[in-house]
Amino acid sequence: MSRRGRALVFLAVLASVGLYLGLSLTGDRAPAARDELRVVDLLGKGDTSGYRRADPTYRPTLPSDHGPHPDFRSEWWYFTGNLQGADGGRFGFQLTFFRFALTPAIAPRDSRWATRQIWMAHLALTDVAGRRFHRDERFGRGALGLAGAAAEPFRVWLDDWHAASTGEAFLPLRLTAGAKGFAIDLQLHDLRPPVLQGAVGYSAKGPGPGNASHYYSHTRMPVTGTVRVAAKLNPVRGTAWLDREWSTSALGPDVEGWDWFALQLDDGRDLMYYRLRKRDGSSDPLSAGSLVSASGQVTALDAASVELRPRRYWTSADSGVTYPVAWTLEIPAEGLRLDVEPWLDGQEMDLSVRYWEGAVRVDGSGAGHSLNGDGYLEMTGYRP
């Protein structure tokens, strides 16, 4: 069955049992995946009564917050990274686990299938030398051990796709996942403390109370392991990034999507910035990010401190969507000018949720010195 076919079946199942995934599934037919399942719909639409909302007085507590938050409507564990093969090949990877609450509460039922949680996972591999972008997705119920998460020891899984601590501490982590024609088996190691994004972990993304997420990142984790493409097993080394967020209706009503950058520079600094994009194409003033020094010191960034300009566009032959795949990002107060270029233009995640997510390289300068780096770029909310 095609990816689109699997998505339609999944949506039809939801509709048939009267469930709710942050959007209406009522009507005469199951909605087409690419018409309905947009990221902004999953995070910003629907009735939020009964769910917990992000609280500006709350501070993320680790390791407990590595685990699930079932009373919030959505959350994710978002792993990305750039890898170098022993033979000189280059790869980018993404492994993401999403949890969505179907209702704010469920009455006790005498069934092991009973659940109010639906899980989705995305896996992608960018093979730069092979000029190929591989991607796949899975869905699962939060019952019978089919999918779930735990804090201590940390583990999140969907079927046989896993991210799990290898000992009592959160790091090192092992990521294992595979699909037709590609697979990853990676160990992520400890290097620096997590970064609490926004106001000490409270990341405001809309004007109303609770239009926010709780958000922290591990911005630089050394990676070792293997990547399989077809029958070839490639030993790799590199650097990974984890974004961890949970929320209920995080986005403001005028937000159409976002452009998110996670960049690791060769001077040891890490940069995260998201531009919240309004329906008219302008930037929301709540766009924000952080610049992390090599020693771990964090400088908060707001919309006024970052200049972001697209330099080049690419149109997907599959979806007809045009994306600004190359950018210039400047932070004048830091003397930073960075040109961000994708390793491959065609890194569109054209799955049940369509967005562009891919490995990028960085060339630029900081305070008069040349800079290079790697990273990941995500773009959501673009339409044909």
Foldseek 3Di string as FASTA:
>chain_A
DDLQVVLQVVQVVCVVVVWAQQDDQDDDGGDRLAVQVFPLSNQAHDDQPLADFDDLVDADDPLQLLFDDQSFFKKKKWKKWWKAFPVGWIKIKIKMKMKGFRDNDDDDDPDQQDARIKMKIKIWMQGLVVLDIDIDMDIDGPGPPQFGFGRFQTWGDHHPFIWTDPDRDPPFIWTWDDDPFKIWTKTWGDDDDKAQADNNQWQAAEDDVRLTKRKIKDQWTWMWGWMGGRHDITTIITIMMIIIITGHNNHYPFFLWKKWWWWQKPQQKIWIWIFGAGPVGDTDQSTWIWIAHNNGDIDIGTPVQKDKDQDDWDADPVFRWIDSQWMWMDRVVFQWIKTKHFSHRPQWPPGSHTWHKGKIKIWTDTPRHTMITIIMIIITRTHD
